[in-house]
Protein backbone atom coordinates (compact mmCIF):
# COMPACT_ATOMS: atom_id res chain seq x y z
CA UNK A 1 14.73 -13.35 -2.21
CA UNK A 2 13.93 -10.98 0.62
CA UNK A 3 15.77 -9.86 3.69
CA UNK A 4 14.87 -10.96 7.16
CA UNK A 5 15.60 -8.30 9.70
CA UNK A 6 16.55 -9.29 13.23
CA UNK A 7 16.10 -7.59 16.54
CA UNK A 8 17.70 -9.04 19.65
CA UNK A 9 18.16 -12.41 17.92
CA UNK A 10 14.52 -12.92 16.96
CA UNK A 11 13.01 -12.72 13.47
CA UNK A 12 11.54 -9.40 12.53
CA UNK A 13 9.86 -8.92 9.16
CA UNK A 14 10.25 -11.16 6.16
CA UNK A 15 10.26 -8.48 3.47
CA UNK A 16 9.92 -9.69 -0.10
CA UNK A 17 9.84 -6.47 -2.16
CA UNK A 18 8.20 -3.12 -2.65
CA UNK A 19 4.79 -4.13 -3.97
CA UNK A 20 3.72 -0.69 -5.07
CA UNK A 21 3.98 3.03 -4.63
CA UNK A 22 0.49 4.54 -4.38
CA UNK A 23 -0.30 7.87 -5.96
CA UNK A 24 -3.42 9.67 -4.71
CA UNK A 25 -5.39 11.19 -7.57
CA UNK A 26 -8.79 12.82 -7.88
CA UNK A 27 -9.53 11.27 -11.28
CA UNK A 28 -8.10 7.85 -12.13
CA UNK A 29 -8.81 8.15 -15.88
CA UNK A 30 -7.04 11.50 -16.13
CA UNK A 31 -4.03 10.23 -14.16
CA UNK A 32 -3.91 6.99 -16.16
CA UNK A 33 -3.83 8.98 -19.40
CA UNK A 34 -0.85 10.99 -18.11
CA UNK A 35 1.10 7.90 -17.02
CA UNK A 36 0.32 6.18 -20.33
CA UNK A 37 1.47 9.22 -22.34
CA UNK A 38 4.61 9.81 -20.29
CA UNK A 39 5.79 6.23 -19.76
CA UNK A 40 3.73 3.97 -22.01
CA UNK A 41 2.32 2.12 -19.01
CA UNK A 42 -0.92 0.17 -19.26
CA UNK A 43 -3.19 -0.84 -16.41
CA UNK A 44 -3.27 -4.54 -15.52
CA UNK A 45 -5.79 -4.25 -12.68
CA UNK A 46 -8.59 -1.77 -12.15
CA UNK A 47 -11.01 -2.22 -9.29
CA UNK A 48 -13.13 -0.51 -6.70
CA UNK A 49 -11.86 -1.70 -3.31
CA UNK A 50 -15.04 -1.68 -1.24
CA UNK A 51 -13.25 -2.30 2.07
CA UNK A 52 -11.17 0.84 1.58
CA UNK A 53 -13.70 2.87 -0.40
CA UNK A 54 -11.18 3.58 -3.15
CA UNK A 55 -10.66 2.91 -6.83
CA UNK A 56 -7.27 1.42 -7.62
CA UNK A 57 -5.44 1.02 -10.92
CA UNK A 58 -2.15 -0.90 -11.08
CA UNK A 59 0.54 -0.01 -13.58
CA UNK A 60 3.30 -2.64 -13.57
CA UNK A 61 6.95 -1.60 -13.61
CA UNK A 62 9.24 -4.63 -13.44
CA UNK A 63 8.23 -6.72 -10.44
CA UNK A 64 6.58 -3.75 -8.71
CA UNK A 65 3.70 -1.39 -9.50
CA UNK A 66 2.54 2.17 -9.43
CA UNK A 67 -0.96 2.25 -7.97
CA UNK A 68 -3.24 5.14 -8.80
CA UNK A 69 -5.86 5.50 -6.06
CA UNK A 70 -8.86 7.79 -5.87
CA UNK A 71 -11.51 8.12 -3.17
CA UNK A 72 -14.84 6.40 -3.70
CA UNK A 73 -16.26 7.42 -0.33
CA UNK A 74 -12.93 7.31 1.54
CA UNK A 75 -13.06 10.52 3.55
CA UNK A 76 -9.43 10.30 4.68
CA UNK A 77 -8.15 10.04 1.12
CA UNK A 78 -10.48 12.84 0.03
CA UNK A 79 -9.15 15.10 2.81
CA UNK A 80 -5.58 14.13 1.83
CA UNK A 81 -6.21 15.27 -1.74
CA UNK A 82 -7.90 18.50 -0.62
CA UNK A 83 -5.02 19.36 1.71
CA UNK A 84 -2.02 18.17 -0.34
CA UNK A 85 -3.28 17.58 -3.88
CA UNK A 86 -2.27 14.58 -5.96
CA UNK A 87 0.98 12.84 -5.12
CA UNK A 88 2.62 9.94 -3.36
CA UNK A 89 0.24 8.60 -0.72
CA UNK A 90 1.97 5.46 0.58
CA UNK A 91 4.56 2.78 -0.07
CA UNK A 92 3.46 -0.85 0.10
CA UNK A 93 5.90 -3.53 1.19
CA UNK A 94 5.14 -7.16 0.45
CA UNK A 95 5.83 -9.33 3.48
CA UNK A 96 5.67 -13.00 4.28
CA UNK A 97 3.39 -13.69 7.23
CA UNK A 98 1.55 -10.40 7.65
CA UNK A 99 -0.09 -11.45 10.92
CA UNK A 100 3.25 -12.29 12.54
CA UNK A 101 4.77 -9.10 11.11
CA UNK A 102 2.03 -7.03 12.74
CA UNK A 103 2.38 -8.88 16.04
CA UNK A 104 6.12 -8.28 15.99
CA UNK A 105 5.75 -4.57 15.19
CA UNK A 106 3.12 -4.10 17.88
CA UNK A 107 5.35 -5.97 20.33
CA UNK A 108 8.23 -3.56 19.79
CA UNK A 109 5.96 -0.52 20.12
CA UNK A 110 5.48 0.46 16.48
CA UNK A 111 2.26 2.46 16.10
CA UNK A 112 -0.13 0.63 13.80
CA UNK A 113 -3.26 1.83 12.07
CA UNK A 114 -4.38 -1.79 11.55
CA UNK A 115 -3.59 -4.43 14.16
CA UNK A 116 -5.13 -7.13 11.98
CA UNK A 117 -5.05 -7.35 8.19
CA UNK A 118 -8.03 -6.43 6.06
CA UNK A 119 -8.87 -7.14 2.43
CA UNK A 120 -7.26 -4.77 -0.01
CA UNK A 121 -6.78 -4.47 -3.76
CA UNK A 122 -6.34 -7.73 -5.68
CA UNK A 123 -7.84 -9.53 -2.67
CA UNK A 124 -4.54 -9.19 -0.81
CA UNK A 125 -4.27 -8.94 2.95
CA UNK A 126 -3.18 -5.42 3.90
CA UNK A 127 -2.45 -3.42 7.04
CA UNK A 128 -1.14 0.10 7.51
CA UNK A 129 1.61 1.36 9.79
CA UNK A 130 1.09 4.85 11.19
CA UNK A 131 3.27 7.53 9.55
CA UNK A 132 4.54 8.61 12.98
CA UNK A 133 6.35 5.28 13.21
CA UNK A 134 8.21 5.78 9.93
CA UNK A 135 9.19 9.42 9.93
CA UNK A 136 6.11 10.66 8.11
CA UNK A 137 5.65 7.94 5.47
CA UNK A 138 2.44 5.92 5.38
CA UNK A 139 3.52 2.28 4.91
CA UNK A 140 1.20 -0.52 3.88
CA UNK A 141 2.11 -4.13 4.51
CA UNK A 142 0.79 -6.45 1.80
CA UNK A 143 0.54 -10.22 1.52
CA UNK A 144 -1.13 -12.24 -1.19
CA UNK A 145 -4.09 -14.10 0.30
CA UNK A 146 -3.70 -17.76 -0.58
CA UNK A 147 -6.99 -18.75 1.09
């Protein structure tokens, strides 16, 4: 299924797929109407993610998703929208073993926003990698929480 990168003979990340591309929007309903009209996409999940103070709507495309996110008290996302307007906010990569992936990345000096996973949309475990570590792209690691 996924690729396992290697660095100096040791396992790196067990990447499964791109889980979603997140689009920052001010109004989820307005954005959803545009995506529905343009592409015929329908939301499969809509939730307020309390831990991240956002509202998220998932629009499935094949085995991945477009995620429309709007701030519900998330000051960072609100500032992002005020500065840049709506647009791509982050790319989420589904990994196997998010805790070990974070430990590996930290061990090789990758700048992390989250050193331990937190609860995200759909109850998944999530952690963000700082954009400075990826050439300006905010990357979210995602793993389904089987607990």
